[in-house]
Amino acid sequence: MENVDRQLLCAAWVAPMIQPPIADGAILVDRGRIRELGTRKQILARNSDAAICDLGPAVILPGLVNAHTHLELSDCQPGPRPADGAEGEASAFAAWLVGMLRRTRISAEEMERAVTGAVAIGVEQCLRFGVTTVGDISRQCRLTRRLLRPSPLRVVSFGEVQAMAQRRGLLEERLAIAADETMAGARLAIGITPHAPYSVEPDGYRRCLQTARDRRLPLATHLAETKDEAMFLAWHAGPLRELWDQWLTWDDSVPKFIGGPIRLARELGLLDHPTLLAHVNYCDDDELNLLAAGKASVVYCPRTHEFFGHAPHRWRQMRRRGINVAVGTDSCASSPDLNLVEELRLLHRLTPDEPVENLWELATTRAARALGLPDAGAIRVGDFADLVTFTCSTEDPLREILERPVVPNSVWIEGNRV
């Protein structure tokens, strides 16, 4: 990383995300933090001794925040969309999960090689596409945390917990690994992810939630990702049950719940906590009200959503009801790459009437809020100087980036160019 202690970054535009873009803007960076923000003329008049980095016809944005991804799957490719099976066969999503399970059936040495390579690919893609902060879900968190700690990225590493049916006895061991803070560092925070309602029983969720509260750790889960979850919870039936019968070890002691995954989350207390809820692809109006009454955030992954052919996401209704909504890329197993701006471009095409400023919030301020990171996602005095720049040639740079296939031309993390 290129390190300059005190520098003045100047560009045609600065887009702080918490105020309108500043024309002919400047940012004073000192020891990794933003010290002043304003026009070039204002800042230069007070800081004529600072090293000047003139970026020319460009816009400076806060470093982008990918609120939900799986870096350990960055060596994957989504391939063709899995087709829905005939009656009695697995759904498209369950069929895809079979492939993910097959991937894990390798030796420890093979797994370490695979994860090491995948994380390197994932980190490189994040930086290339202007992402400086990620919420990473990791089943292999002992490996990924060791790799991510020295990386330039700012990471919330959510260790994944799965414990259901005859595997419920693994709960405490897996939770201890997920919540292990040994590798925590200045840019690496530790979190917990009870995987999903079809892989963790209610008591397992309660245990993870209590641990997160007691130790003040971030908490995330996959919720309402597929319409099959409600059927599985209520009757232990459908494609997700078939998946258990085919690949895992079922028993009939798993509790049932009628009402669907969002109502289950409310009963478990997940909605009373600032939980990150990945996907939430299926919810009715009453469930929207439950989410709006709580503290949880929703992370929508548009390209993965499109890959599986889900019904239209209700993210705009969520936003109007006051629910914090962010975007993520999910993994390269269901999305072409980790280019977070492509998620926004898809939303821009799907909802051309949505103000572009609202779209950018999903990958900056709202995503940082979903991860519980108050110093990320905006250009504010006192915040870390995590920044990304794009070349622009119009008076509406935020729209221009969404309507042209451009990639960043520079990225800074804590004032260091990476």
Foldseek 3Di string as FASTA:
>chain_A
DFDDAWEKEWEQWEPQLVDHIAGRWIFIAHQQFTADIHHPVVVCVVCVPHHYDYPYQKYKYFQWEFLAAAQLQQVAAQPAQQPQDDPPAAGSVLVLVVVVVVVPPDDPVVSLVSSLVSNVNQLVQSVQFRHQEYEHEYCVCVRNLVVCLPRRHQYAYAHEAFADAVRVVCLVVSLCVQQDCPSDDPRYAGAYEDEECLGAALVSLLVRVVVCVVVVHAYEYEFLQDPCQQVCQAPVDHNSNVSCVVPHPHDPPRHHDHDGGLVSCVVSCVQQDQYEYEASQDDDPVSLVSNLVGNYAYEHAQQLCVSSPGDDRPVVVSVVSPHQYAYHNYYNNRHVHRNRLVSLLVVCVVCVPDPLSVSLCRGAVSSCVSNVHPQTRGRDGGHGRWMWMWRDDDPCRSVVPSVDVTGTPWTDTSNRTD
